[in-house]
Amino acid sequence: MKYDLAVTIDKASGFCFGVVYAIDMAEDILDEDEYLYCLGDIVHNDEEVKRLTAKGLRIIDHEQLRELKNEKVLIRAHGEAPSTYQLALENELILIDASCPVVLKLQNRIKNSHDEDEQILIFGKHGHAEVIGLQGQTDGKAIVFQDLAELDEVALPPKFTLYSQTTKSTDKFYHIKEELISRGYDVKANDTICRQVSNRYGDLEKFVVNFDKILFVSGKKSSNGKVLYDVCKKYNTNAYFISNIEEIDLNWFSAKDKVGICGATSTPMWLMEQVKAKLESY
């Protein structure tokens, strides 16, 4: 079957400024040095991580960090807990801090804007690098939850402060706030969701309705990718999630489909362009 697909990339998709900042910093150092350590995947996109590791980026975890001495280590956009900075001092590490300014501002609010006995709740993904860093600002005392049902098993105080991981859904955050208030809690809610992320909901809604099919390109580990893909699927049921060109299935398409390509704040533009070229090759 011969295809004649009209393919358009969403110009508003691709890296947010926090990811651009971290990757630019890494590449600047790799232009001068043979290698650079990075604490965790620099971005939740396997294809971009492969590109940078080929240039000399060495991804390590916290256990490996403890073994390093007198080395340069990049802190990615997600930020880190205070314990990481303390370890760097002890091991004489040079930290290249590429923490996103939005995340740093949130960390400072959580750390410095509360009484010592005030309970803090964080709406976020368990085990996510940003959330670990946020919880670290409270010495691990904050309660992290992904879904309201988790709080049914927790004895909450009558009054607490609610924060959110920066890449969570704004609608879901406010739904959680209202539900907790309706249960009789005194909730001080701080909307700490990054507007570079939340503004994309409306942009995507307008983009996806113009096409027969949508390919949403994202790493499978990206929390932001999952949220934005749900937006795509809500407004265009013919939306498909892929991480690379190998996952494209021709059975999704008809001969003359208009196809839109979009992605997460952790999706590089070069990868979306690669997907476009692959579709056009058919």
Protein backbone atom coordinates (compact mmCIF):
# COMPACT_ATOMS: atom_id res chain seq x y z
CA MET A 1 0.00 0.00 0.00
CA LYS A 2 1.30 3.46 -0.91
CA TYR A 3 0.94 6.17 1.72
CA ASP A 4 0.71 9.91 1.20
CA LEU A 5 0.78 11.15 4.79
CA ALA A 6 0.69 14.88 5.55
CA VAL A 7 2.88 15.17 8.68
CA THR A 8 3.14 18.19 11.01
CA ILE A 9 5.22 18.62 14.18
CA ASP A 10 3.76 20.66 17.04
CA LYS A 11 6.11 23.63 17.37
CA ALA A 12 5.14 24.08 21.03
CA SER A 13 6.33 20.56 21.95
CA GLY A 14 9.83 19.61 22.99
CA PHE A 15 12.20 20.49 25.80
CA CYS A 16 11.18 22.95 28.51
CA PHE A 17 13.75 25.57 29.52
CA GLY A 18 14.86 23.53 32.55
CA VAL A 19 15.85 20.57 30.38
CA VAL A 20 17.51 22.82 27.79
CA TYR A 21 19.54 24.42 30.58
CA ALA A 22 20.77 21.06 31.91
CA ILE A 23 21.63 19.62 28.48
CA ASP A 24 23.40 22.80 27.34
CA MET A 25 25.47 22.74 30.52
CA ALA A 26 26.41 19.09 30.01
CA GLU A 27 27.37 19.61 26.37
CA ASP A 28 29.48 22.69 27.18
CA ILE A 29 31.52 20.63 29.65
CA LEU A 30 31.76 17.61 27.32
CA ASP A 31 33.14 19.90 24.61
CA GLU A 32 36.08 20.55 26.95
CA ASP A 33 36.35 17.32 28.96
CA GLU A 34 36.45 13.66 27.96
CA TYR A 35 33.60 12.70 30.29
CA LEU A 36 31.14 14.03 32.85
CA TYR A 37 29.24 12.18 35.56
CA CYS A 38 25.49 12.80 35.84
CA LEU A 39 23.46 11.78 38.87
CA GLY A 40 20.54 9.90 37.29
CA ASP A 41 19.26 10.14 33.72
CA ILE A 42 19.77 13.75 32.62
CA VAL A 43 16.28 13.64 31.09
CA HIS A 44 13.56 10.97 31.07
CA ASN A 45 14.10 10.12 27.43
CA ASP A 46 16.20 7.08 26.55
CA GLU A 47 17.05 8.30 23.05
CA GLU A 48 18.47 11.60 24.30
CA VAL A 49 20.37 9.81 27.07
CA LYS A 50 21.94 7.51 24.44
CA ARG A 51 23.00 10.53 22.38
CA LEU A 52 24.70 12.19 25.36
CA THR A 53 26.34 9.04 26.73
CA ALA A 54 27.93 8.61 23.30
CA LYS A 55 29.49 12.05 23.86
CA GLY A 56 30.92 11.00 27.23
CA LEU A 57 28.13 11.50 29.76
CA ARG A 58 28.35 8.84 32.49
CA ILE A 59 25.06 8.15 34.29
CA ILE A 60 25.48 7.11 37.93
CA ASP A 61 23.16 6.45 40.86
CA HIS A 62 23.47 7.55 44.49
CA GLU A 63 25.35 4.40 45.49
CA GLN A 64 28.00 5.07 42.84
CA LEU A 65 28.15 8.72 43.89
CA ARG A 66 29.37 7.65 47.34
CA GLU A 67 32.40 6.00 45.73
CA LEU A 68 33.46 9.06 43.70
CA LYS A 69 36.20 11.44 44.85
CA ASN A 70 37.47 14.65 43.25
CA GLU A 71 35.20 14.44 40.21
CA LYS A 72 32.71 16.71 38.45
CA VAL A 73 29.07 15.62 38.81
CA LEU A 74 26.05 17.18 37.09
CA ILE A 75 22.86 17.67 39.09
CA ARG A 76 20.02 17.38 36.56
CA ALA A 77 16.94 19.59 36.30
CA HIS A 78 14.93 17.51 38.81
CA GLY A 79 17.07 18.79 41.71
CA GLU A 80 18.50 16.92 44.69
CA ALA A 81 18.00 16.54 48.43
CA PRO A 82 20.34 18.35 50.89
CA SER A 83 22.10 15.05 51.67
CA THR A 84 23.55 14.97 48.14
CA TYR A 85 25.22 18.36 48.63
CA GLN A 86 26.59 17.23 51.99
CA LEU A 87 28.08 14.09 50.44
CA ALA A 88 29.67 16.20 47.69
CA LEU A 89 31.44 18.29 50.32
CA GLU A 90 32.72 15.18 52.11
CA ASN A 91 33.97 13.57 48.86
CA GLU A 92 35.41 16.80 47.45
CA LEU A 93 33.15 16.63 44.40
CA ILE A 94 32.53 19.57 42.11
CA LEU A 95 28.78 19.79 41.57
CA ILE A 96 27.57 21.29 38.30
CA ASP A 97 24.10 22.29 39.48
CA ALA A 98 21.58 22.33 36.63
CA SER A 99 18.53 22.14 38.91
CA CYS A 100 15.53 23.78 37.26
CA PRO A 101 14.84 27.23 38.79
CA VAL A 102 11.16 26.28 39.22
CA VAL A 103 12.17 23.20 41.21
CA LEU A 104 14.69 25.16 43.30
CA LYS A 105 12.03 27.75 44.18
CA LEU A 106 9.69 24.95 45.29
CA GLN A 107 12.43 23.32 47.36
CA ASN A 108 13.09 26.61 49.14
CA ARG A 109 9.40 27.13 49.89
CA ILE A 110 9.06 23.66 51.37
CA LYS A 111 12.22 24.05 53.44
CA ASN A 112 11.83 27.61 54.72
CA SER A 113 8.13 28.54 54.81
CA HIS A 114 6.85 26.31 57.60
CA ASP A 115 6.88 25.70 61.33
CA GLU A 116 8.85 22.62 62.34
CA ASP A 117 5.74 20.69 63.39
CA GLU A 118 3.64 21.58 60.32
CA GLN A 119 2.62 18.53 58.26
CA ILE A 120 3.40 18.76 54.54
CA LEU A 121 1.73 16.69 51.82
CA ILE A 122 3.28 16.36 48.34
CA PHE A 123 1.16 15.24 45.39
CA GLY A 124 3.74 13.43 43.28
CA LYS A 125 5.05 10.19 41.90
CA HIS A 126 6.71 7.83 44.40
CA GLY A 127 10.40 7.43 43.67
CA HIS A 128 10.54 10.30 41.17
CA ALA A 129 13.83 12.23 41.37
CA GLU A 130 12.12 15.59 41.90
CA VAL A 131 9.86 14.20 44.62
CA ILE A 132 12.80 12.61 46.46
CA GLY A 133 14.52 16.00 46.40
CA LEU A 134 11.40 17.74 47.70
CA GLN A 135 10.88 15.24 50.50
CA GLY A 136 14.53 15.66 51.43
CA GLN A 137 13.84 19.30 52.29
CA THR A 138 11.62 18.01 55.13
CA ASP A 139 14.08 15.36 56.41
CA GLY A 140 11.71 12.75 54.99
CA LYS A 141 8.73 13.91 57.10
CA ALA A 142 6.49 14.97 54.21
CA ILE A 143 3.74 12.58 53.11
CA VAL A 144 3.98 11.76 49.39
CA PHE A 145 0.93 10.43 47.56
CA GLN A 146 0.06 9.74 43.92
CA ASP A 147 -3.65 9.29 44.40
CA LEU A 148 -6.25 10.33 46.95
CA ALA A 149 -7.00 6.68 47.79
CA GLU A 150 -3.54 6.41 49.38
CA LEU A 151 -4.55 8.99 52.00
CA ASP A 152 -7.42 6.79 53.19
CA GLU A 153 -4.82 4.71 55.03
CA VAL A 154 -3.07 7.74 56.60
CA ALA A 155 -4.00 9.49 59.86
CA LEU A 156 -3.85 13.12 58.74
CA PRO A 157 -3.84 16.07 61.15
CA PRO A 158 -6.78 18.52 60.96
CA LYS A 159 -4.55 21.13 59.27
CA PHE A 160 -1.73 20.69 56.73
CA THR A 161 -0.03 22.25 53.69
CA LEU A 162 -0.35 20.74 50.22
CA TYR A 163 2.26 21.00 47.46
CA SER A 164 2.63 19.36 44.06
CA GLN A 165 5.43 17.95 41.94
CA THR A 166 5.97 20.58 39.24
CA THR A 167 4.89 18.37 36.32
CA LYS A 168 1.56 17.11 37.70
CA SER A 169 -1.88 17.85 36.26
CA THR A 170 -3.30 21.20 37.42
CA ASP A 171 -6.88 19.91 37.22
CA LYS A 172 -6.06 16.89 39.37
CA PHE A 173 -4.25 19.05 41.93
CA TYR A 174 -7.27 21.31 42.40
CA HIS A 175 -9.61 18.32 42.50
CA ILE A 176 -7.50 16.86 45.33
CA LYS A 177 -7.51 20.19 47.17
CA GLU A 178 -11.32 20.52 46.98
CA GLU A 179 -11.88 16.89 47.96
CA LEU A 180 -9.67 17.22 51.06
CA ILE A 181 -11.46 20.44 52.07
CA SER A 182 -14.82 18.68 51.61
CA ARG A 183 -13.61 16.02 54.05
CA GLY A 184 -13.25 18.71 56.71
CA TYR A 185 -9.50 19.36 56.58
CA ASP A 186 -7.99 22.83 56.82
CA VAL A 187 -5.83 22.76 53.66
CA LYS A 188 -3.31 25.41 52.71
CA ALA A 189 -2.73 24.55 49.03
CA ASN A 190 0.25 25.83 47.07
CA ASP A 191 -0.08 25.45 43.32
CA THR A 192 3.55 24.73 42.42
CA ILE A 193 2.95 23.23 38.98
CA CYS A 194 5.24 24.59 36.28
CA ARG A 195 3.31 26.78 33.84
CA GLN A 196 5.59 25.70 30.98
CA VAL A 197 3.99 22.29 31.51
CA SER A 198 0.41 23.26 32.36
CA ASN A 199 0.17 25.75 29.47
CA ARG A 200 0.84 22.89 27.09
CA TYR A 201 -2.48 21.28 27.97
CA GLY A 202 -4.39 23.98 26.11
CA ASP A 203 -1.85 24.06 23.29
CA LEU A 204 -2.13 20.31 22.78
CA GLU A 205 -5.93 20.37 22.92
CA LYS A 206 -5.96 22.85 20.03
CA PHE A 207 -3.26 20.98 18.08
CA VAL A 208 -4.51 17.38 18.15
CA VAL A 209 -8.06 18.07 16.90
CA ASN A 210 -6.65 19.09 13.50
CA PHE A 211 -5.38 15.61 12.58
CA ASP A 212 -6.64 12.14 11.69
CA LYS A 213 -3.90 10.51 13.77
CA ILE A 214 -1.52 11.71 16.50
CA LEU A 215 1.88 10.29 17.40
CA PHE A 216 2.92 11.37 20.87
CA VAL A 217 6.67 10.89 21.32
CA SER A 218 8.01 10.47 24.86
CA GLY A 219 10.20 8.40 27.11
CA LYS A 220 8.24 5.80 29.05
CA LYS A 221 9.71 7.05 32.36
CA SER A 222 8.49 10.62 31.84
CA SER A 223 5.73 11.62 34.29
CA ASN A 224 5.08 14.71 32.22
CA GLY A 225 4.79 12.53 29.12
CA LYS A 226 2.05 10.39 30.68
CA VAL A 227 0.05 13.48 31.67
CA LEU A 228 0.35 15.15 28.26
CA TYR A 229 -0.45 11.93 26.39
CA ASP A 230 -3.69 11.67 28.38
CA VAL A 231 -4.55 15.18 27.14
CA CYS A 232 -3.91 14.06 23.53
CA LYS A 233 -6.02 10.94 23.95
CA LYS A 234 -8.88 12.92 25.49
CA TYR A 235 -9.22 15.22 22.48
CA ASN A 236 -8.18 12.78 19.74
CA THR A 237 -8.88 9.10 20.38
CA ASN A 238 -6.55 8.15 17.51
CA ALA A 239 -3.46 9.12 19.49
CA TYR A 240 -0.55 6.68 19.86
CA PHE A 241 2.33 6.77 22.35
CA ILE A 242 5.78 5.93 20.97
CA SER A 243 9.33 6.28 22.30
CA ASN A 244 11.24 5.84 19.02
CA ILE A 245 10.74 5.17 15.31
CA GLU A 246 10.87 1.37 15.80
CA GLU A 247 7.52 1.56 17.63
CA ILE A 248 5.62 3.06 14.68
CA ASP A 249 2.95 0.67 13.38
CA LEU A 250 1.78 1.25 9.80
CA ASN A 251 -1.53 -0.41 10.64
CA TRP A 252 -2.46 2.77 12.52
CA PHE A 253 -2.67 4.80 9.30
CA SER A 254 -4.83 5.15 6.22
CA ALA A 255 -3.39 6.19 2.87
CA LYS A 256 -3.95 9.95 3.05
CA ASP A 257 -4.02 10.66 6.78
CA LYS A 258 -3.10 14.00 8.27
CA VAL A 259 -0.71 13.10 11.10
CA GLY A 260 0.31 15.34 13.99
CA ILE A 261 3.47 14.72 16.00
CA CYS A 262 3.89 16.12 19.52
CA GLY A 263 5.83 15.29 22.65
CA ALA A 264 6.68 15.85 26.30
CA THR A 265 8.86 18.53 27.89
CA SER A 266 11.56 15.83 27.96
CA THR A 267 11.27 14.95 24.25
CA PRO A 268 14.02 16.33 21.97
CA MET A 269 12.93 18.04 18.75
CA TRP A 270 15.45 15.95 16.78
CA LEU A 271 13.54 12.79 17.78
CA MET A 272 10.19 14.20 16.61
CA GLU A 273 11.85 15.23 13.34
CA GLN A 274 13.18 11.67 13.00
CA VAL A 275 9.62 10.34 13.44
CA LYS A 276 8.35 12.78 10.78
CA ALA A 277 11.06 11.68 8.31
CA LYS A 278 10.20 8.03 8.94
CA LEU A 279 6.49 8.61 8.26
CA GLU A 280 7.24 10.55 5.10
CA SER A 281 9.50 7.73 3.87
CA TYR A 282 6.43 5.49 3.58
